[in-house]
Amino acid sequence: MKKLRKLNGFTLEEICEQLSISPSTYTRMEKGETATWTSMIDKICGVYKIEPEELLLSEEKYILINNNQNGGSTTLTGNIINNLSEKVIELYDKMLVEKDIKIADLEKKVSNKI
């Protein structure tokens, strides 16, 4: 996301203002330390004027697609789509683990109150 932000000429402060989030939250999203961005995918894509699948691409693939939209002849291949699917699955798996941890923590808090 950092590369995407820089390619679009946004400062950290500008993008945070547009997304209504703190710079520390966005920085963690850029570093891949949190999957918070997945709940904001529509808003992020709106700011960058991209489709959700483009958000999951590496810089090289993002530039390739951007060039394609500007008159190039290259299209997304099945390989790129497979890579996107794997990335989405990885992100959802990570979110599921985080959910399980939160549920276990909440269950522990509830059982301590009983």
Protein backbone atom coordinates (compact mmCIF):
# COMPACT_ATOMS: atom_id res chain seq x y z
CA MET A 1 0.00 0.00 0.00
CA LYS A 2 2.93 2.31 0.57
CA LYS A 3 4.02 1.91 -3.04
CA LEU A 4 0.47 2.56 -4.19
CA ARG A 5 0.27 5.69 -2.02
CA LYS A 6 3.55 6.99 -3.40
CA LEU A 7 2.63 6.13 -7.00
CA ASN A 8 -0.48 8.26 -6.53
CA GLY A 9 1.46 11.14 -4.97
CA PHE A 10 -0.25 11.07 -1.56
CA THR A 11 1.53 11.96 1.65
CA LEU A 12 0.78 9.82 4.69
CA GLU A 13 -1.21 12.68 6.19
CA GLU A 14 -3.28 13.20 3.03
CA ILE A 15 -4.30 9.55 2.72
CA CYS A 16 -5.07 9.29 6.43
CA GLU A 17 -7.31 12.34 6.22
CA GLN A 18 -9.19 10.91 3.24
CA LEU A 19 -9.64 7.55 5.00
CA SER A 20 -10.41 9.11 8.42
CA ILE A 21 -7.78 7.01 10.19
CA SER A 22 -4.67 7.75 12.20
CA PRO A 23 -1.21 7.74 10.62
CA SER A 24 -0.16 4.91 12.94
CA THR A 25 -3.07 2.76 11.75
CA TYR A 26 -2.24 3.41 8.10
CA THR A 27 1.46 2.76 8.70
CA ARG A 28 0.63 -0.63 10.26
CA MET A 29 -1.54 -1.39 7.23
CA GLU A 30 1.31 -0.45 4.86
CA LYS A 31 3.72 -2.69 6.77
CA GLY A 32 1.28 -5.61 6.70
CA GLU A 33 1.12 -5.70 10.49
CA THR A 34 -2.67 -5.65 10.47
CA ALA A 35 -5.47 -6.75 8.19
CA THR A 36 -7.56 -3.71 9.14
CA TRP A 37 -7.47 -2.48 5.57
CA THR A 38 -9.69 -5.36 4.48
CA SER A 39 -12.65 -3.79 6.27
CA MET A 40 -11.91 -0.51 4.46
CA ILE A 41 -11.23 -1.95 1.03
CA ASP A 42 -14.06 -0.07 -0.70
CA LYS A 43 -13.01 3.26 0.78
CA ILE A 44 -9.33 2.68 -0.02
CA CYS A 45 -10.16 1.67 -3.59
CA GLY A 46 -12.34 4.75 -3.94
CA VAL A 47 -9.51 7.04 -2.89
CA TYR A 48 -7.03 5.40 -5.27
CA LYS A 49 -9.67 4.94 -8.00
CA ILE A 50 -8.82 1.25 -8.42
CA GLU A 51 -10.63 -2.06 -8.28
CA PRO A 52 -10.25 -4.22 -5.14
CA GLU A 53 -8.15 -6.85 -6.92
CA GLU A 54 -5.63 -4.16 -7.89
CA LEU A 55 -5.04 -3.43 -4.22
CA LEU A 56 -3.69 -6.94 -3.81
CA LEU A 57 -1.17 -6.71 -6.62
CA SER A 58 2.54 -6.19 -6.25
CA GLU A 59 3.94 -2.89 -7.51
CA GLU A 60 5.12 -4.44 -10.76
CA LYS A 61 1.73 -5.95 -11.53
CA TYR A 62 -0.04 -2.74 -10.50
CA ILE A 63 2.11 -0.75 -12.92
CA LEU A 64 1.51 -3.36 -15.63
CA ILE A 65 -2.26 -3.08 -15.22
CA ASN A 66 -2.10 0.72 -15.03
CA ASN A 67 -0.08 0.77 -18.26
CA ASN A 68 -2.59 -1.60 -19.82
CA GLN A 69 -5.43 0.79 -18.97
CA ASN A 70 -3.47 3.55 -20.68
CA GLY A 71 -3.34 1.80 -24.04
CA GLY A 72 -1.04 -1.20 -23.50
CA SER A 73 -1.98 -4.63 -24.80
CA THR A 74 -1.18 -6.82 -21.77
CA THR A 75 -4.10 -8.29 -19.82
CA LEU A 76 -4.44 -10.10 -16.49
CA THR A 77 -3.48 -13.71 -16.89
CA GLY A 78 -4.78 -16.71 -15.01
CA ASN A 79 -1.48 -16.75 -13.13
CA ILE A 80 -2.04 -13.25 -11.72
CA ILE A 81 -5.61 -14.12 -10.77
CA ASN A 82 -4.38 -17.26 -9.00
CA ASN A 83 -1.84 -15.15 -7.10
CA LEU A 84 -4.61 -12.77 -6.09
CA SER A 85 -6.77 -15.64 -4.89
CA GLU A 86 -3.92 -17.00 -2.79
CA LYS A 87 -3.30 -13.57 -1.26
CA VAL A 88 -6.98 -13.16 -0.40
CA ILE A 89 -7.04 -16.61 1.20
CA GLU A 90 -3.91 -15.77 3.24
CA LEU A 91 -5.51 -12.55 4.46
CA TYR A 92 -8.75 -14.26 5.42
CA ASP A 93 -6.82 -17.02 7.22
CA LYS A 94 -4.97 -14.37 9.20
CA MET A 95 -8.23 -12.62 10.04
CA LEU A 96 -9.77 -15.92 11.18
CA VAL A 97 -6.85 -16.52 13.54
CA GLU A 98 -7.24 -13.00 14.94
CA LYS A 99 -10.98 -13.64 15.39
CA ASP A 100 -10.33 -16.91 17.24
CA ILE A 101 -7.89 -15.15 19.57
CA LYS A 102 -10.41 -12.40 20.31
CA ILE A 103 -13.18 -14.93 20.95
CA ALA A 104 -10.98 -16.93 23.32
CA ASP A 105 -10.05 -13.73 25.16
CA LEU A 106 -13.70 -12.69 25.47
CA GLU A 107 -14.71 -16.17 26.66
CA LYS A 108 -12.01 -16.00 29.30
CA LYS A 109 -13.25 -12.58 30.47
CA VAL A 110 -16.84 -13.85 30.65
CA SER A 111 -15.88 -16.98 32.58
CA ASN A 112 -13.92 -14.90 35.09
CA LYS A 113 -17.00 -12.78 35.79
CA ILE A 114 -19.24 -15.79 36.46
